[in-house]
């Protein structure tokens, strides 16, 4: 009989993104990309991180142009909008509390990813200005 603990072990690290550690940023970045690619619509999630969110389409109504509402999006546009949100959530879930507190105000995955990258690059430079 399979227990809940066995099921948790079988599912492995697939149910949570890899945690960010100060000295392991480069390996975490590649593991995070693999984690994103392993999700449903993984390529779209990763593209959201690399290229930014979907540019919401507009609609002309009574001579006024406005952004489409979510329910007005095509199936592919809705999936991309969902992937944009998933990308941000995946990145935030893999952050330790002290880093999360610094970047949680970012809602766009690309900006969040870049902010984490630049702040970690700065953290690895010692007082003499040499890269650690």
Protein backbone atom coordinates (compact mmCIF):
# COMPACT_ATOMS: atom_id res chain seq x y z
CA UNK A 1 0.00 0.00 0.00
CA UNK A 2 1.34 3.42 -0.95
CA UNK A 3 1.40 5.96 1.86
CA UNK A 4 1.20 9.71 1.61
CA UNK A 5 4.91 9.93 2.42
CA UNK A 6 5.71 7.56 -0.45
CA UNK A 7 3.64 9.69 -2.81
CA UNK A 8 5.50 12.81 -1.66
CA UNK A 9 8.84 11.11 -2.31
CA UNK A 10 7.66 9.88 -5.72
CA UNK A 11 6.59 13.36 -6.72
CA UNK A 12 10.00 14.70 -5.69
CA UNK A 13 10.99 18.31 -6.17
CA UNK A 14 8.59 18.60 -9.07
CA UNK A 15 5.91 20.16 -6.88
CA UNK A 16 8.01 23.16 -5.73
CA UNK A 17 10.54 25.29 -7.58
CA UNK A 18 14.17 25.08 -6.47
CA UNK A 19 15.03 27.35 -3.55
CA UNK A 20 17.45 30.22 -4.18
CA UNK A 21 20.71 30.00 -2.22
CA UNK A 22 23.28 32.82 -2.20
CA UNK A 23 26.23 30.73 -3.34
CA UNK A 24 24.31 28.66 -5.87
CA UNK A 25 22.63 31.30 -8.07
CA UNK A 26 23.92 30.03 -11.44
CA UNK A 27 22.87 26.42 -10.84
CA UNK A 28 19.54 27.58 -9.40
CA UNK A 29 18.89 29.62 -12.53
CA UNK A 30 19.31 26.61 -14.82
CA UNK A 31 17.30 24.37 -12.44
CA UNK A 32 14.54 26.99 -12.35
CA UNK A 33 14.44 27.12 -16.16
CA UNK A 34 14.17 23.31 -16.27
CA UNK A 35 11.43 23.44 -13.63
CA UNK A 36 9.47 25.97 -15.71
CA UNK A 37 9.90 23.92 -18.88
CA UNK A 38 8.52 20.88 -17.05
CA UNK A 39 5.21 22.64 -16.30
CA UNK A 40 2.22 22.58 -18.61
CA UNK A 41 2.85 25.26 -21.29
CA UNK A 42 6.44 25.45 -20.02
CA UNK A 43 7.81 27.15 -23.13
CA UNK A 44 5.25 29.95 -22.76
CA UNK A 45 6.12 30.36 -19.06
CA UNK A 46 9.82 30.61 -19.83
CA UNK A 47 9.16 33.07 -22.68
CA UNK A 48 7.23 35.24 -20.24
CA UNK A 49 10.34 35.37 -18.04
CA UNK A 50 12.67 36.06 -20.96
CA UNK A 51 10.52 38.45 -23.03
CA UNK A 52 7.98 39.92 -20.65
CA UNK A 53 4.21 39.49 -20.46
CA UNK A 54 1.68 39.36 -23.25
CA UNK A 55 0.84 42.70 -24.79
CA UNK A 56 -2.88 42.75 -24.22
CA UNK A 57 -4.84 43.16 -27.43
CA UNK A 58 -7.18 46.07 -27.84
CA UNK A 59 -10.69 46.30 -29.16
CA UNK A 60 -12.44 49.27 -30.72
CA UNK A 61 -15.87 49.86 -29.27
CA UNK A 62 -18.03 52.89 -30.13
CA UNK A 63 -14.98 54.70 -31.48
CA UNK A 64 -13.02 54.12 -28.26
CA UNK A 65 -10.07 51.75 -28.12
CA UNK A 66 -9.72 49.74 -24.91
CA UNK A 67 -7.87 46.67 -23.70
CA UNK A 68 -9.72 43.39 -24.02
CA UNK A 69 -11.02 41.87 -20.83
CA UNK A 70 -9.76 38.42 -19.88
CA UNK A 71 -12.95 36.67 -21.03
CA UNK A 72 -12.63 38.38 -24.45
CA UNK A 73 -9.17 36.93 -25.14
CA UNK A 74 -8.71 34.11 -27.61
CA UNK A 75 -7.81 30.70 -26.19
CA UNK A 76 -4.07 31.19 -26.91
CA UNK A 77 -4.05 34.72 -25.50
CA UNK A 78 -5.74 33.50 -22.31
CA UNK A 79 -3.20 30.69 -21.94
CA UNK A 80 -0.34 33.20 -22.37
CA UNK A 81 -1.90 35.56 -19.81
CA UNK A 82 -2.15 32.62 -17.38
CA UNK A 83 1.47 31.67 -18.09
CA UNK A 84 2.58 35.21 -17.28
CA UNK A 85 1.04 34.87 -13.83
CA UNK A 86 2.43 31.34 -13.37
CA UNK A 87 5.94 32.57 -14.23
CA UNK A 88 5.81 35.23 -11.52
CA UNK A 89 4.42 32.77 -8.98
CA UNK A 90 7.07 30.14 -9.75
CA UNK A 91 9.86 32.66 -9.25
CA UNK A 92 8.39 34.00 -6.01
CA UNK A 93 7.80 30.52 -4.57
CA UNK A 94 11.50 29.67 -4.91
CA UNK A 95 12.75 32.64 -2.91
CA UNK A 96 13.87 32.61 0.72
CA UNK A 97 11.89 35.04 2.93
CA UNK A 98 14.62 37.70 3.06
CA UNK A 99 14.82 37.92 -0.76
CA UNK A 100 11.04 37.64 -1.18
CA UNK A 101 10.60 40.69 1.05
CA UNK A 102 12.85 42.72 -1.27
CA UNK A 103 11.21 41.80 -4.58
CA UNK A 104 7.60 40.83 -3.86
CA UNK A 105 6.33 44.17 -5.18
CA UNK A 106 7.32 43.16 -8.74
CA UNK A 107 4.44 41.58 -10.62
CA UNK A 108 6.08 40.99 -13.99
CA UNK A 109 8.22 37.86 -14.18
CA UNK A 110 10.88 39.41 -16.42
CA UNK A 111 11.42 42.37 -14.06
CA UNK A 112 11.45 40.04 -11.06
CA UNK A 113 13.98 37.70 -12.68
CA UNK A 114 16.25 40.62 -13.65
CA UNK A 115 16.02 42.17 -10.18
CA UNK A 116 17.05 38.90 -8.54
CA UNK A 117 19.88 38.42 -11.05
CA UNK A 118 21.35 41.88 -10.49
CA UNK A 119 20.99 41.79 -6.71
CA UNK A 120 22.70 38.40 -6.53
CA UNK A 121 25.51 39.53 -8.81
CA UNK A 122 26.12 42.44 -6.41
CA UNK A 123 26.09 40.15 -3.36
CA UNK A 124 28.98 38.10 -4.72
CA UNK A 125 31.40 41.03 -4.86
CA UNK A 126 33.51 41.37 -1.72
CA UNK A 127 34.70 44.60 -0.05
CA UNK A 128 37.82 44.84 -2.22
CA UNK A 129 35.66 44.84 -5.34
CA UNK A 130 36.67 41.36 -6.39
CA UNK A 131 34.11 38.83 -7.40
CA UNK A 132 33.81 36.06 -4.81
